[in-house]
PDB file of all heavy atoms in Angstrom:
ATOM      1  N   ASN A   1     -24.146 -55.082   9.849  1.00  0.00           N
ATOM      2  CA  ASN A   1     -25.440 -55.494   9.400  1.00  0.00           C
ATOM      3  C   ASN A   1     -26.551 -54.800  10.203  1.00  0.00           C
ATOM      4  O   ASN A   1     -26.265 -54.291  11.315  1.00  0.00           O
ATOM      5  CB  ASN A   1     -25.594 -56.951   9.465  1.00  0.00           C
ATOM      6  CG  ASN A   1     -24.621 -57.686   8.545  1.00  0.00           C
ATOM      7  OD1 ASN A   1     -24.174 -57.236   7.517  1.00  0.00           O
ATOM      8  ND2 ASN A   1     -24.167 -58.916   8.917  1.00  0.00           N
ATOM      9  N   SER A   2     -27.670 -54.799   9.705  1.00  0.00           N
ATOM     10  CA  SER A   2     -28.901 -54.262  10.493  1.00  0.00           C
ATOM     11  C   SER A   2     -28.589 -52.889  11.015  1.00  0.00           C
ATOM     12  O   SER A   2     -28.779 -52.575  12.176  1.00  0.00           O
ATOM     13  CB  SER A   2     -29.254 -55.171  11.632  1.00  0.00           C
ATOM     14  OG  SER A   2     -29.510 -56.477  11.164  1.00  0.00           O
ATOM     15  N   LEU A   3     -28.050 -52.004  10.178  1.00  0.00           N
ATOM     16  CA  LEU A   3     -27.574 -50.749  10.514  1.00  0.00           C
ATOM     17  C   LEU A   3     -28.803 -49.900  11.063  1.00  0.00           C
ATOM     18  O   LEU A   3     -29.917 -49.964  10.442  1.00  0.00           O
ATOM     19  CB  LEU A   3     -26.890 -50.060   9.438  1.00  0.00           C
ATOM     20  CG  LEU A   3     -25.383 -50.551   9.309  1.00  0.00           C
ATOM     21  CD1 LEU A   3     -24.870 -50.170   7.979  1.00  0.00           C
ATOM     22  CD2 LEU A   3     -24.543 -49.968  10.380  1.00  0.00           C
ATOM     23  N   LYS A   4     -28.534 -49.035  12.036  1.00  0.00           N
ATOM     24  CA  LYS A   4     -29.499 -48.174  12.608  1.00  0.00           C
ATOM     25  C   LYS A   4     -29.124 -46.728  12.399  1.00  0.00           C
ATOM     26  O   LYS A   4     -27.926 -46.494  12.210  1.00  0.00           O
ATOM     27  CB  LYS A   4     -29.633 -48.519  14.115  1.00  0.00           C
ATOM     28  CG  LYS A   4     -29.933 -49.883  14.423  1.00  0.00           C
ATOM     29  CD  LYS A   4     -29.981 -50.149  15.959  1.00  0.00           C
ATOM     30  CE  LYS A   4     -30.240 -51.568  16.224  1.00  0.00           C
ATOM     31  NZ  LYS A   4     -30.219 -51.760  17.733  1.00  0.00           N
ATOM     32  N   ARG A   5     -30.021 -45.803  12.538  1.00  0.00           N
ATOM     33  CA  ARG A   5     -29.765 -44.393  12.331  1.00  0.00           C
ATOM     34  C   ARG A   5     -28.611 -44.032  13.377  1.00  0.00           C
ATOM     35  O   ARG A   5     -27.746 -43.158  13.142  1.00  0.00           O
ATOM     36  CB  ARG A   5     -30.924 -43.514  12.544  1.00  0.00           C
ATOM     37  CG  ARG A   5     -31.839 -43.576  11.333  1.00  0.00           C
ATOM     38  CD  ARG A   5     -33.081 -42.716  11.495  1.00  0.00           C
ATOM     39  NE  ARG A   5     -33.943 -42.717  10.311  1.00  0.00           N
ATOM     40  CZ  ARG A   5     -34.849 -43.596  10.074  1.00  0.00           C
ATOM     41  NH1 ARG A   5     -35.025 -44.554  10.883  1.00  0.00           N
ATOM     42  NH2 ARG A   5     -35.534 -43.500   8.926  1.00  0.00           N
ATOM     43  N   GLU A   6     -28.740 -44.580  14.601  1.00  0.00           N
ATOM     44  CA  GLU A   6     -27.735 -44.144  15.623  1.00  0.00           C
ATOM     45  C   GLU A   6     -26.294 -44.682  15.339  1.00  0.00           C
ATOM     46  O   GLU A   6     -25.337 -44.380  16.105  1.00  0.00           O
ATOM     47  CB  GLU A   6     -28.183 -44.682  16.988  1.00  0.00           C
ATOM     48  CG  GLU A   6     -28.614 -46.095  17.040  1.00  0.00           C
ATOM     49  CD  GLU A   6     -30.110 -46.274  16.908  1.00  0.00           C
ATOM     50  OE1 GLU A   6     -30.719 -45.634  16.037  1.00  0.00           O
ATOM     51  OE2 GLU A   6     -30.642 -47.143  17.632  1.00  0.00           O
ATOM     52  N   ASP A   7     -26.137 -45.512  14.282  1.00  0.00           N
ATOM     53  CA  ASP A   7     -24.738 -45.930  13.903  1.00  0.00           C
ATOM     54  C   ASP A   7     -24.073 -44.861  12.978  1.00  0.00           C
ATOM     55  O   ASP A   7     -22.898 -45.023  12.738  1.00  0.00           O
ATOM     56  CB  ASP A   7     -24.836 -47.233  13.107  1.00  0.00           C
ATOM     57  CG  ASP A   7     -25.341 -48.417  13.896  1.00  0.00           C
ATOM     58  OD1 ASP A   7     -24.893 -48.500  15.093  1.00  0.00           O
ATOM     59  OD2 ASP A   7     -26.095 -49.170  13.430  1.00  0.00           O
ATOM     60  N   THR A   8     -24.762 -43.834  12.650  1.00  0.00           N
ATOM     61  CA  THR A   8     -24.191 -42.734  11.924  1.00  0.00           C
ATOM     62  C   THR A   8     -23.036 -42.115  12.608  1.00  0.00           C
ATOM     63  O   THR A   8     -23.196 -41.648  13.760  1.00  0.00           O
ATOM     64  CB  THR A   8     -25.257 -41.690  11.547  1.00  0.00           C
ATOM     65  OG1 THR A   8     -26.314 -42.329  10.702  1.00  0.00           O
ATOM     66  CG2 THR A   8     -24.664 -40.516  10.817  1.00  0.00           C
ATOM     67  N   ALA A   9     -21.886 -42.055  12.046  1.00  0.00           N
ATOM     68  CA  ALA A   9     -20.637 -41.564  12.642  1.00  0.00           C
ATOM     69  C   ALA A   9     -19.509 -41.662  11.711  1.00  0.00           C
ATOM     70  O   ALA A   9     -19.664 -42.303  10.608  1.00  0.00           O
ATOM     71  CB  ALA A   9     -20.365 -42.324  13.929  1.00  0.00           C
ATOM     72  N   VAL A  10     -18.396 -41.026  12.002  1.00  0.00           N
ATOM     73  CA  VAL A  10     -17.128 -41.331  11.340  1.00  0.00           C
ATOM     74  C   VAL A  10     -16.455 -42.471  12.046  1.00  0.00           C
ATOM     75  O   VAL A  10     -16.388 -42.461  13.261  1.00  0.00           O
ATOM     76  CB  VAL A  10     -16.225 -40.083  11.397  1.00  0.00           C
ATOM     77  CG1 VAL A  10     -14.873 -40.365  10.658  1.00  0.00           C
ATOM     78  CG2 VAL A  10     -16.883 -38.890  10.713  1.00  0.00           C
ATOM     79  N   TYR A  11     -16.147 -43.465  11.269  1.00  0.00           N
ATOM     80  CA  TYR A  11     -15.565 -44.706  11.820  1.00  0.00           C
ATOM     81  C   TYR A  11     -14.042 -44.712  11.578  1.00  0.00           C
ATOM     82  O   TYR A  11     -13.606 -44.406  10.427  1.00  0.00           O
ATOM     83  CB  TYR A  11     -16.199 -45.955  11.188  1.00  0.00           C
ATOM     84  CG  TYR A  11     -17.501 -46.192  11.730  1.00  0.00           C
ATOM     85  CD1 TYR A  11     -18.629 -45.426  11.444  1.00  0.00           C
ATOM     86  CD2 TYR A  11     -17.727 -47.282  12.513  1.00  0.00           C
ATOM     87  CE1 TYR A  11     -19.867 -45.697  11.913  1.00  0.00           C
ATOM     88  CE2 TYR A  11     -19.029 -47.597  13.047  1.00  0.00           C
ATOM     89  CZ  TYR A  11     -20.047 -46.725  12.723  1.00  0.00           C
ATOM     90  OH  TYR A  11     -21.305 -47.002  13.234  1.00  0.00           O
ATOM     91  N   TYR A  12     -13.285 -45.010  12.586  1.00  0.00           N
ATOM     92  CA  TYR A  12     -11.823 -45.060  12.557  1.00  0.00           C
ATOM     93  C   TYR A  12     -11.344 -46.376  12.904  1.00  0.00           C
ATOM     94  O   TYR A  12     -11.854 -47.023  13.803  1.00  0.00           O
ATOM     95  CB  TYR A  12     -11.291 -43.998  13.568  1.00  0.00           C
ATOM     96  CG  TYR A  12     -11.677 -42.572  13.359  1.00  0.00           C
ATOM     97  CD1 TYR A  12     -12.801 -42.101  14.014  1.00  0.00           C
ATOM     98  CD2 TYR A  12     -10.871 -41.642  12.641  1.00  0.00           C
ATOM     99  CE1 TYR A  12     -13.186 -40.801  13.859  1.00  0.00           C
ATOM    100  CE2 TYR A  12     -11.260 -40.376  12.446  1.00  0.00           C
ATOM    101  CZ  TYR A  12     -12.401 -39.890  13.056  1.00  0.00           C
ATOM    102  OH  TYR A  12     -12.795 -38.607  12.896  1.00  0.00           O
ATOM    103  N   CYS A  13     -10.218 -46.793  12.318  1.00  0.00           N
ATOM    104  CA  CYS A  13      -9.524 -47.927  12.774  1.00  0.00           C
ATOM    105  C   CYS A  13      -8.216 -47.502  13.430  1.00  0.00           C
ATOM    106  O   CYS A  13      -7.692 -46.429  13.085  1.00  0.00           O
ATOM    107  CB  CYS A  13      -9.281 -49.001  11.686  1.00  0.00           C
ATOM    108  SG  CYS A  13      -8.140 -48.431  10.419  1.00  0.00           S
ATOM    109  N   ALA A  14      -7.737 -48.320  14.389  1.00  0.00           N
ATOM    110  CA  ALA A  14      -6.539 -48.009  15.091  1.00  0.00           C
ATOM    111  C   ALA A  14      -5.811 -49.235  15.367  1.00  0.00           C
ATOM    112  O   ALA A  14      -6.335 -50.321  15.434  1.00  0.00           O
ATOM    113  CB  ALA A  14      -6.846 -47.222  16.438  1.00  0.00           C
ATOM    114  N   ALA A  15      -4.474 -49.136  15.509  1.00  0.00           N
ATOM    115  CA  ALA A  15      -3.604 -50.290  15.719  1.00  0.00           C
ATOM    116  C   ALA A  15      -2.557 -50.010  16.774  1.00  0.00           C
ATOM    117  O   ALA A  15      -2.084 -48.920  16.963  1.00  0.00           O
ATOM    118  CB  ALA A  15      -2.939 -50.646  14.361  1.00  0.00           C
ATOM    119  N   VAL A  16      -2.230 -51.081  17.488  1.00  0.00           N
ATOM    120  CA  VAL A  16      -1.104 -51.065  18.438  1.00  0.00           C
ATOM    121  C   VAL A  16      -0.504 -52.428  18.531  1.00  0.00           C
ATOM    122  O   VAL A  16      -1.214 -53.463  18.460  1.00  0.00           O
ATOM    123  CB  VAL A  16      -1.651 -50.578  19.781  1.00  0.00           C
ATOM    124  CG1 VAL A  16      -2.656 -51.613  20.393  1.00  0.00           C
ATOM    125  CG2 VAL A  16      -0.483 -50.384  20.736  1.00  0.00           C
ATOM    126  N   GLN A  17       0.775 -52.474  18.630  1.00  0.00           N
ATOM    127  CA  GLN A  17       1.446 -53.731  18.868  1.00  0.00           C
ATOM    128  C   GLN A  17       1.961 -53.707  20.308  1.00  0.00           C
ATOM    129  O   GLN A  17       2.800 -52.910  20.708  1.00  0.00           O
ATOM    130  CB  GLN A  17       2.659 -53.803  17.842  1.00  0.00           C
ATOM    131  CG  GLN A  17       3.315 -55.249  17.951  1.00  0.00           C
ATOM    132  CD  GLN A  17       4.476 -55.349  16.908  1.00  0.00           C
ATOM    133  OE1 GLN A  17       5.269 -54.446  16.715  1.00  0.00           O
ATOM    134  NE2 GLN A  17       4.524 -56.488  16.299  1.00  0.00           N
ATOM    135  N   SER A  18       1.467 -54.678  21.051  1.00  0.00           N
ATOM    136  CA  SER A  18       1.791 -54.784  22.476  1.00  0.00           C
ATOM    137  C   SER A  18       1.656 -56.225  22.896  1.00  0.00           C
ATOM    138  O   SER A  18       0.614 -56.884  22.582  1.00  0.00           O
ATOM    139  CB  SER A  18       0.821 -53.870  23.313  1.00  0.00           C
ATOM    140  OG  SER A  18       0.975 -54.216  24.722  1.00  0.00           O
ATOM    141  N   PRO A  19       2.558 -56.717  23.663  1.00  0.00           N
ATOM    142  CA  PRO A  19       2.516 -58.093  24.159  1.00  0.00           C
ATOM    143  C   PRO A  19       1.311 -58.210  25.064  1.00  0.00           C
ATOM    144  O   PRO A  19       0.725 -59.325  25.163  1.00  0.00           O
ATOM    145  CB  PRO A  19       3.794 -58.278  24.930  1.00  0.00           C
ATOM    146  CG  PRO A  19       4.356 -56.974  25.153  1.00  0.00           C
ATOM    147  CD  PRO A  19       3.923 -56.094  24.096  1.00  0.00           C
ATOM    148  N   LEU A  20       0.854 -57.143  25.685  1.00  0.00           N
ATOM    149  CA  LEU A  20      -0.320 -57.239  26.545  1.00  0.00           C
ATOM    150  C   LEU A  20      -1.635 -57.404  25.738  1.00  0.00           C
ATOM    151  O   LEU A  20      -2.642 -57.811  26.287  1.00  0.00           O
ATOM    152  CB  LEU A  20      -0.420 -55.939  27.400  1.00  0.00           C
ATOM    153  CG  LEU A  20       0.732 -55.675  28.368  1.00  0.00           C
ATOM    154  CD1 LEU A  20       0.522 -54.397  29.072  1.00  0.00           C
ATOM    155  CD2 LEU A  20       0.817 -56.895  29.270  1.00  0.00           C
ATOM    156  N   LEU A  21      -1.552 -57.028  24.489  1.00  0.00           N
ATOM    157  CA  LEU A  21      -2.768 -57.163  23.636  1.00  0.00           C
ATOM    158  C   LEU A  21      -2.623 -58.173  22.522  1.00  0.00           C
ATOM    159  O   LEU A  21      -3.248 -58.112  21.492  1.00  0.00           O
ATOM    160  CB  LEU A  21      -3.084 -55.801  23.000  1.00  0.00           C
ATOM    161  CG  LEU A  21      -3.384 -54.629  24.050  1.00  0.00           C
ATOM    162  CD1 LEU A  21      -3.654 -53.321  23.254  1.00  0.00           C
ATOM    163  CD2 LEU A  21      -4.608 -55.023  24.810  1.00  0.00           C
ATOM    164  N   LEU A  22      -1.896 -59.181  22.864  1.00  0.00           N
ATOM    165  CA  LEU A  22      -1.636 -60.331  21.912  1.00  0.00           C
ATOM    166  C   LEU A  22      -2.865 -61.244  21.881  1.00  0.00           C
ATOM    167  O   LEU A  22      -3.347 -61.741  20.947  1.00  0.00           O
ATOM    168  CB  LEU A  22      -0.390 -61.065  22.158  1.00  0.00           C
ATOM    169  CG  LEU A  22       0.119 -61.997  21.019  1.00  0.00           C
ATOM    170  CD1 LEU A  22       0.391 -61.218  19.761  1.00  0.00           C
ATOM    171  CD2 LEU A  22       1.341 -62.760  21.506  1.00  0.00           C
ATOM    172  N   ASN A  23      -3.329 -61.463  23.125  1.00  0.00           N
ATOM    173  CA  ASN A  23      -4.515 -62.409  23.318  1.00  0.00           C
ATOM    174  C   ASN A  23      -5.717 -61.772  23.797  1.00  0.00           C
ATOM    175  O   ASN A  23      -6.723 -62.448  24.062  1.00  0.00           O
ATOM    176  CB  ASN A  23      -4.062 -63.579  24.236  1.00  0.00           C
ATOM    177  CG  ASN A  23      -2.945 -64.440  23.592  1.00  0.00           C
ATOM    178  OD1 ASN A  23      -3.069 -64.865  22.443  1.00  0.00           O
ATOM    179  ND2 ASN A  23      -1.884 -64.635  24.376  1.00  0.00           N
ATOM    180  N   ILE A  24      -5.683 -60.493  24.077  1.00  0.00           N
ATOM    181  CA  ILE A  24      -6.912 -59.771  24.378  1.00  0.00           C
ATOM    182  C   ILE A  24      -6.931 -58.515  23.602  1.00  0.00           C
ATOM    183  O   ILE A  24      -5.956 -58.166  22.924  1.00  0.00           O
ATOM    184  CB  ILE A  24      -6.933 -59.412  25.947  1.00  0.00           C
ATOM    185  CG1 ILE A  24      -5.852 -58.490  26.314  1.00  0.00           C
ATOM    186  CG2 ILE A  24      -6.888 -60.662  26.757  1.00  0.00           C
ATOM    187  CD1 ILE A  24      -5.982 -57.842  27.694  1.00  0.00           C
ATOM    188  N   CYS A  25      -7.993 -57.735  23.707  1.00  0.00           N
ATOM    189  CA  CYS A  25      -8.040 -56.481  23.090  1.00  0.00           C
ATOM    190  C   CYS A  25      -8.950 -55.516  23.911  1.00  0.00           C
ATOM    191  O   CYS A  25      -9.718 -56.074  24.672  1.00  0.00           O
ATOM    192  CB  CYS A  25      -8.537 -56.412  21.581  1.00  0.00           C
ATOM    193  SG  CYS A  25     -10.232 -56.964  21.360  1.00  0.00           S
ATOM    194  N   VAL A  26      -8.759 -54.212  23.834  1.00  0.00           N
ATOM    195  CA  VAL A  26      -9.504 -53.269  24.621  1.00  0.00           C
ATOM    196  C   VAL A  26     -10.058 -52.208  23.738  1.00  0.00           C
ATOM    197  O   VAL A  26      -9.530 -51.931  22.613  1.00  0.00           O
ATOM    198  CB  VAL A  26      -8.687 -52.676  25.725  1.00  0.00           C
ATOM    199  CG1 VAL A  26      -8.251 -53.778  26.762  1.00  0.00           C
ATOM    200  CG2 VAL A  26      -7.393 -52.022  25.163  1.00  0.00           C
ATOM    201  N   LEU A  27     -11.005 -51.460  24.224  1.00  0.00           N
ATOM    202  CA  LEU A  27     -11.619 -50.426  23.359  1.00  0.00           C
ATOM    203  C   LEU A  27     -11.389 -49.033  24.059  1.00  0.00           C
ATOM    204  O   LEU A  27     -12.231 -48.204  24.182  1.00  0.00           O
ATOM    205  CB  LEU A  27     -13.179 -50.625  23.234  1.00  0.00           C
ATOM    206  CG  LEU A  27     -13.452 -51.791  22.271  1.00  0.00           C
ATOM    207  CD1 LEU A  27     -15.002 -51.967  22.164  1.00  0.00           C
ATOM    208  CD2 LEU A  27     -12.952 -51.476  20.895  1.00  0.00           C
ATOM    209  N   TYR A  28     -10.138 -48.898  24.560  1.00  0.00           N
ATOM    210  CA  TYR A  28      -9.784 -47.545  25.094  1.00  0.00           C
ATOM    211  C   TYR A  28      -8.926 -46.920  24.078  1.00  0.00           C
ATOM    212  O   TYR A  28      -7.809 -47.327  23.748  1.00  0.00           O
ATOM    213  CB  TYR A  28      -8.970 -47.801  26.395  1.00  0.00           C
ATOM    214  CG  TYR A  28      -9.671 -48.570  27.417  1.00  0.00           C
ATOM    215  CD1 TYR A  28      -9.124 -49.670  27.990  1.00  0.00           C
ATOM    216  CD2 TYR A  28     -10.904 -48.106  27.892  1.00  0.00           C
ATOM    217  CE1 TYR A  28      -9.779 -50.447  28.943  1.00  0.00           C
ATOM    218  CE2 TYR A  28     -11.606 -48.853  28.888  1.00  0.00           C
ATOM    219  CZ  TYR A  28     -11.009 -49.991  29.406  1.00  0.00           C
ATOM    220  OH  TYR A  28     -11.712 -50.709  30.329  1.00  0.00           O
ATOM    221  N   PRO A  29      -9.361 -45.765  23.516  1.00  0.00           N
ATOM    222  CA  PRO A  29      -8.602 -45.200  22.419  1.00  0.00           C
ATOM    223  C   PRO A  29      -7.086 -44.806  22.788  1.00  0.00           C
ATOM    224  O   PRO A  29      -6.297 -44.896  21.952  1.00  0.00           O
ATOM    225  CB  PRO A  29      -9.417 -43.892  22.197  1.00  0.00           C
ATOM    226  CG  PRO A  29     -10.791 -44.222  22.576  1.00  0.00           C
ATOM    227  CD  PRO A  29     -10.604 -45.099  23.792  1.00  0.00           C
ATOM    228  N   LYS A  30      -6.921 -44.528  24.068  1.00  0.00           N
ATOM    229  CA  LYS A  30      -5.505 -44.046  24.388  1.00  0.00           C
ATOM    230  C   LYS A  30      -4.568 -45.230  24.292  1.00  0.00           C
ATOM    231  O   LYS A  30      -3.340 -45.030  24.336  1.00  0.00           O
ATOM    232  CB  LYS A  30      -5.528 -43.546  25.846  1.00  0.00           C
ATOM    233  CG  LYS A  30      -5.887 -44.531  26.941  1.00  0.00           C
ATOM    234  CD  LYS A  30      -5.798 -43.874  28.312  1.00  0.00           C
ATOM    235  CE  LYS A  30      -6.136 -44.823  29.377  1.00  0.00           C
ATOM    236  NZ  LYS A  30      -6.040 -44.241  30.689  1.00  0.00           N
ATOM    237  N   GLU A  31      -5.054 -46.479  24.255  1.00  0.00           N
ATOM    238  CA  GLU A  31      -4.108 -47.633  24.140  1.00  0.00           C
ATOM    239  C   GLU A  31      -3.628 -47.866  22.755  1.00  0.00           C
ATOM    240  O   GLU A  31      -2.719 -48.674  22.485  1.00  0.00           O
ATOM    241  CB  GLU A  31      -4.831 -48.888  24.628  1.00  0.00           C
ATOM    242  CG  GLU A  31      -5.283 -48.841  26.135  1.00  0.00           C
ATOM    243  CD  GLU A  31      -4.151 -48.705  27.073  1.00  0.00           C
ATOM    244  OE1 GLU A  31      -3.014 -49.225  26.735  1.00  0.00           O
ATOM    245  OE2 GLU A  31      -4.329 -48.059  28.082  1.00  0.00           O
ATOM    246  N   TYR A  32      -4.125 -47.115  21.776  1.00  0.00           N
ATOM    247  CA  TYR A  32      -3.833 -47.377  20.349  1.00  0.00           C
ATOM    248  C   TYR A  32      -2.799 -46.308  19.873  1.00  0.00           C
ATOM    249  O   TYR A  32      -2.959 -45.117  20.221  1.00  0.00           O
ATOM    250  CB  TYR A  32      -5.098 -47.501  19.491  1.00  0.00           C
ATOM    251  CG  TYR A  32      -5.880 -48.736  19.797  1.00  0.00           C
ATOM    252  CD1 TYR A  32      -6.719 -48.726  20.881  1.00  0.00           C
ATOM    253  CD2 TYR A  32      -5.705 -49.817  18.990  1.00  0.00           C
ATOM    254  CE1 TYR A  32      -7.479 -49.943  21.139  1.00  0.00           C
ATOM    255  CE2 TYR A  32      -6.420 -51.016  19.225  1.00  0.00           C
ATOM    256  CZ  TYR A  32      -7.257 -51.084  20.323  1.00  0.00           C
ATOM    257  OH  TYR A  32      -8.000 -52.185  20.606  1.00  0.00           O
ATOM    258  N   GLU A  33      -1.907 -46.810  19.049  1.00  0.00           N
ATOM    259  CA  GLU A  33      -0.824 -45.916  18.600  1.00  0.00           C
ATOM    260  C   GLU A  33      -1.055 -45.304  17.206  1.00  0.00           C
ATOM    261  O   GLU A  33      -0.680 -44.168  17.007  1.00  0.00           O
ATOM    262  CB  GLU A  33       0.487 -46.718  18.625  1.00  0.00           C
ATOM    263  CG  GLU A  33       1.754 -45.885  18.302  1.00  0.00           C
ATOM    264  CD  GLU A  33       2.996 -46.760  18.396  1.00  0.00           C
ATOM    265  OE1 GLU A  33       2.850 -47.962  18.731  1.00  0.00           O
ATOM    266  OE2 GLU A  33       4.065 -46.194  18.201  1.00  0.00           O
ATOM    267  N   TYR A  34      -1.527 -46.067  16.312  1.00  0.00           N
ATOM    268  CA  TYR A  34      -1.739 -45.542  14.911  1.00  0.00           C
ATOM    269  C   TYR A  34      -3.273 -45.494  14.622  1.00  0.00           C
ATOM    270  O   TYR A  34      -3.998 -46.346  14.964  1.00  0.00           O
ATOM    271  CB  TYR A  34      -1.060 -46.598  13.955  1.00  0.00           C
ATOM    272  CG  TYR A  34       0.432 -46.793  14.265  1.00  0.00           C
ATOM    273  CD1 TYR A  34       0.806 -47.945  14.799  1.00  0.00           C
ATOM    274  CD2 TYR A  34       1.326 -45.822  14.019  1.00  0.00           C
ATOM    275  CE1 TYR A  34       2.191 -48.216  15.114  1.00  0.00           C
ATOM    276  CE2 TYR A  34       2.646 -45.997  14.269  1.00  0.00           C
ATOM    277  CZ  TYR A  34       3.075 -47.182  14.808  1.00  0.00           C
ATOM    278  OH  TYR A  34       4.459 -47.393  15.122  1.00  0.00           O
ATOM    279  N   TRP A  35      -3.526 -44.469  13.897  1.00  0.00           N
ATOM    280  CA  TRP A  35      -4.938 -44.173  13.563  1.00  0.00           C
ATOM    281  C   TRP A  35      -5.143 -43.867  12.093  1.00  0.00           C
ATOM    282  O   TRP A  35      -4.237 -43.166  11.512  1.00  0.00           O
ATOM    283  CB  TRP A  35      -5.462 -42.956  14.422  1.00  0.00           C
ATOM    284  CG  TRP A  35      -5.653 -43.282  15.859  1.00  0.00           C
ATOM    285  CD1 TRP A  35      -4.715 -43.354  16.810  1.00  0.00           C
ATOM    286  CD2 TRP A  35      -6.907 -43.677  16.515  1.00  0.00           C
ATOM    287  NE1 TRP A  35      -5.269 -43.668  17.985  1.00  0.00           N
ATOM    288  CE2 TRP A  35      -6.632 -43.877  17.842  1.00  0.00           C
ATOM    289  CE3 TRP A  35      -8.218 -43.843  16.063  1.00  0.00           C
ATOM    290  CZ2 TRP A  35      -7.572 -44.325  18.766  1.00  0.00           C
ATOM    291  CZ3 TRP A  35      -9.218 -44.209  16.986  1.00  0.00           C
ATOM    292  CH2 TRP A  35      -8.897 -44.410  18.328  1.00  0.00           C
TER     293      TRP A  35
END
């Protein structure tokens, strides 16, 4: 919502299955396996 010009980009989703990321999540691309 309330989109701004600076939000312009290609948006990607990514997934990873890890017991370390069951109750937390991180925004480091290298931690994700599928894109």
